[in-house]
Protein backbone atom coordinates (compact mmCIF):
# COMPACT_ATOMS: atom_id res chain seq x y z
CA MET A 1 35.04 19.01 -5.27
CA SER A 2 37.14 17.04 -2.67
CA GLU A 3 38.60 13.71 -3.03
CA MET A 4 37.53 11.30 -0.13
CA ARG A 5 39.00 8.20 1.27
CA VAL A 6 36.84 5.37 3.01
CA VAL A 7 37.49 5.42 6.65
CA GLY A 8 35.24 2.22 6.94
CA VAL A 9 31.79 1.13 8.04
CA ARG A 10 30.33 0.69 11.40
CA VAL A 11 26.91 -0.06 12.93
CA GLU A 12 25.05 2.70 14.67
CA LEU A 13 23.23 1.52 17.79
CA PRO A 14 20.57 1.17 18.91
CA ALA A 15 18.91 1.32 15.46
CA ASN A 16 21.45 -1.27 14.11
CA GLN A 17 21.89 0.97 10.98
CA PRO A 18 25.33 0.78 9.14
CA ILE A 19 27.09 3.95 8.55
CA LEU A 20 29.86 4.56 5.77
CA LEU A 21 32.42 7.13 6.87
CA LEU A 22 34.28 9.01 4.27
CA ARG A 23 37.10 11.59 4.99
CA GLU A 24 38.71 14.18 2.81
CA THR A 25 42.16 13.18 1.64
CA GLU A 26 43.37 16.73 1.75
CA GLY A 27 41.20 18.21 4.41
CA GLU A 28 39.61 17.69 7.74
CA ARG A 29 36.00 17.02 6.99
CA TYR A 30 34.31 13.53 7.60
CA LEU A 31 31.19 12.58 5.71
CA PRO A 32 28.80 9.98 7.38
CA ILE A 33 26.43 8.27 5.13
CA TRP A 34 23.78 5.83 6.43
CA ILE A 35 23.74 2.78 4.12
CA GLY A 36 21.91 -0.66 3.95
CA SER A 37 23.44 -3.80 5.39
CA VAL A 38 24.15 -5.44 2.01
CA GLU A 39 26.33 -2.60 0.76
CA ALA A 40 27.83 -2.29 4.22
CA THR A 41 28.86 -6.02 3.81
CA ALA A 42 30.07 -5.46 0.39
CA ILE A 43 32.33 -2.56 1.36
CA ALA A 44 33.60 -4.42 4.49
CA LEU A 45 34.40 -7.42 2.63
CA GLU A 46 36.41 -5.44 0.02
CA GLN A 47 38.39 -3.54 2.65
CA GLN A 48 39.32 -6.91 4.26
CA GLY A 49 40.36 -8.45 1.12
CA VAL A 50 37.86 -11.25 1.34
CA ARG A 51 36.92 -12.86 -1.94
CA PRO A 52 33.59 -14.76 -1.87
CA ALA A 53 33.50 -18.05 -3.85
CA ARG A 54 31.08 -16.50 -6.32
CA PRO A 55 30.93 -12.80 -7.44
CA LEU A 56 28.69 -10.45 -5.31
CA THR A 57 26.70 -7.94 -7.24
CA HIS A 58 29.52 -5.19 -7.07
CA ASP A 59 32.00 -7.75 -8.25
CA LEU A 60 29.61 -8.73 -11.18
CA LEU A 61 29.26 -5.07 -12.07
CA LYS A 62 32.91 -4.57 -12.26
CA ASP A 63 33.18 -7.69 -14.48
CA VAL A 64 30.40 -6.43 -16.75
CA ILE A 65 32.10 -2.99 -17.10
CA GLY A 66 35.27 -4.56 -18.17
CA ALA A 67 33.65 -7.10 -20.52
CA LEU A 68 32.00 -4.10 -22.32
CA GLY A 69 35.29 -2.33 -22.73
CA ARG A 70 34.38 0.53 -20.57
CA GLU A 71 36.40 2.33 -17.79
CA LEU A 72 34.95 3.65 -14.64
CA GLU A 73 37.07 6.81 -14.03
CA GLN A 74 35.65 8.06 -10.69
CA VAL A 75 32.66 8.18 -8.37
CA ARG A 76 31.19 11.34 -7.34
CA ILE A 77 28.80 12.24 -4.43
CA THR A 78 26.90 14.79 -6.15
CA ASP A 79 23.89 15.96 -3.95
CA LEU A 80 22.01 15.73 -0.69
CA ARG A 81 18.27 16.20 -0.78
CA GLU A 82 15.87 15.71 2.01
CA GLY A 83 18.39 13.38 3.84
CA THR A 84 19.14 11.34 0.83
CA PHE A 85 22.59 11.34 -0.75
CA PHE A 86 23.02 10.91 -4.41
CA ALA A 87 26.08 9.83 -6.42
CA GLU A 88 27.13 9.04 -9.99
CA LEU A 89 29.46 6.74 -11.74
CA VAL A 90 31.64 8.73 -14.31
CA PHE A 91 32.88 6.49 -17.06
CA ASP A 92 35.27 7.18 -19.97
CA GLY A 93 33.68 9.53 -22.60
CA ASP A 94 32.12 11.53 -19.79
CA VAL A 95 29.25 8.93 -19.54
CA ARG A 96 27.46 9.39 -16.17
CA VAL A 97 25.16 7.00 -14.52
CA SER A 98 23.15 7.91 -11.32
CA ALA A 99 23.75 5.53 -8.43
CA ARG A 100 23.42 5.25 -4.69
CA PRO A 101 26.67 6.36 -2.86
CA SER A 102 26.97 2.93 -1.07
CA ASP A 103 26.90 0.93 -4.38
CA SER A 104 29.18 3.55 -6.01
CA VAL A 105 31.77 3.31 -3.13
CA ALA A 106 31.49 -0.44 -3.14
CA LEU A 107 32.28 -0.46 -6.89
CA ALA A 108 35.13 2.32 -6.57
CA LEU A 109 36.92 0.19 -3.99
CA ARG A 110 36.88 -2.85 -6.21
CA ILE A 111 38.04 -0.94 -9.33
CA GLY A 112 40.47 1.24 -7.54
CA VAL A 113 39.18 4.65 -8.71
CA PRO A 114 38.74 7.82 -6.73
CA ILE A 115 35.75 8.89 -4.75
CA HIS A 116 34.90 12.67 -4.82
CA ALA A 117 32.33 14.70 -3.02
CA GLU A 118 30.83 17.97 -4.13
CA ASP A 119 31.73 20.98 -1.97
CA SER A 120 27.96 21.74 -1.40
CA VAL A 121 27.41 18.11 0.10
CA LEU A 122 30.43 18.53 2.41
CA GLN A 123 29.37 21.97 3.49
CA GLU A 124 25.85 20.62 4.36
CA ALA A 125 26.72 17.31 5.85
CA GLY A 126 30.56 17.24 6.49
CA LEU A 127 31.81 16.92 10.02
CA ILE A 128 35.00 18.39 11.44
CA ILE A 129 35.93 16.36 14.48
CA PRO A 130 37.69 18.58 17.05
CA ASP A 131 40.99 17.26 18.49
CA GLU A 132 39.41 16.09 21.70
CA GLN A 133 37.36 13.72 19.64
CA GLU A 134 40.20 12.37 17.70
CA ASP A 135 40.57 9.55 20.08
CA GLU A 136 36.95 8.60 19.30
CA VAL A 137 37.90 8.28 15.59
CA GLU A 138 40.82 6.12 16.70
CA LYS A 139 38.31 3.98 18.57
CA PHE A 140 36.26 3.81 15.38
CA ARG A 141 39.40 2.72 13.46
CA GLU A 142 40.04 -0.01 16.09
CA PHE A 143 36.42 -1.17 15.71
CA LEU A 144 36.84 -1.43 11.90
CA ASP A 145 39.92 -3.58 12.32
CA SER A 146 37.92 -5.89 14.61
CA VAL A 147 34.49 -6.06 12.72
CA SER A 148 33.69 -8.94 10.39
CA PRO A 149 31.23 -9.03 7.44
CA GLU A 150 28.94 -11.25 9.48
CA ASP A 151 28.45 -8.39 11.94
CA PHE A 152 26.40 -6.42 9.21
CA ARG A 153 23.84 -9.25 8.50
CA GLY A 154 20.58 -8.36 9.72
CA ALA A 155 18.35 -10.59 11.97
CA ASP A 156 16.29 -11.76 8.94
CA THR A 157 19.35 -12.98 6.88
């Protein structure tokens, strides 16, 4: 199992589909996960330190976990089946709850717990970006610095 860090979220064109990009903290592999716009916005808001006037769903869940006296210890991306990623929230007492990776990452960022990915998931979906593509990663980082949460709102919002 590898610890991952959130590189950020971007919108893949022309489909206008948000992608969450994770990278191994002690390795070279990247893990791209296609996610929904709402979750992309929640992740982007947290990364940018934006605090909404009222709690969003992930903020509410963080508050509920605290109010119940539980502790989220880590998030694990556990599986990839037929193109769908699976994750679990690991609480104190080894209580585990199945969740989508996008929701799990949004919650992990808010609580400040580590994100891990199973080696089997990284072997199947992980990407190693060759040196000549490193400047593409840098462009991606620059894009993330310039993007705002409003960029993830769909046409129907």
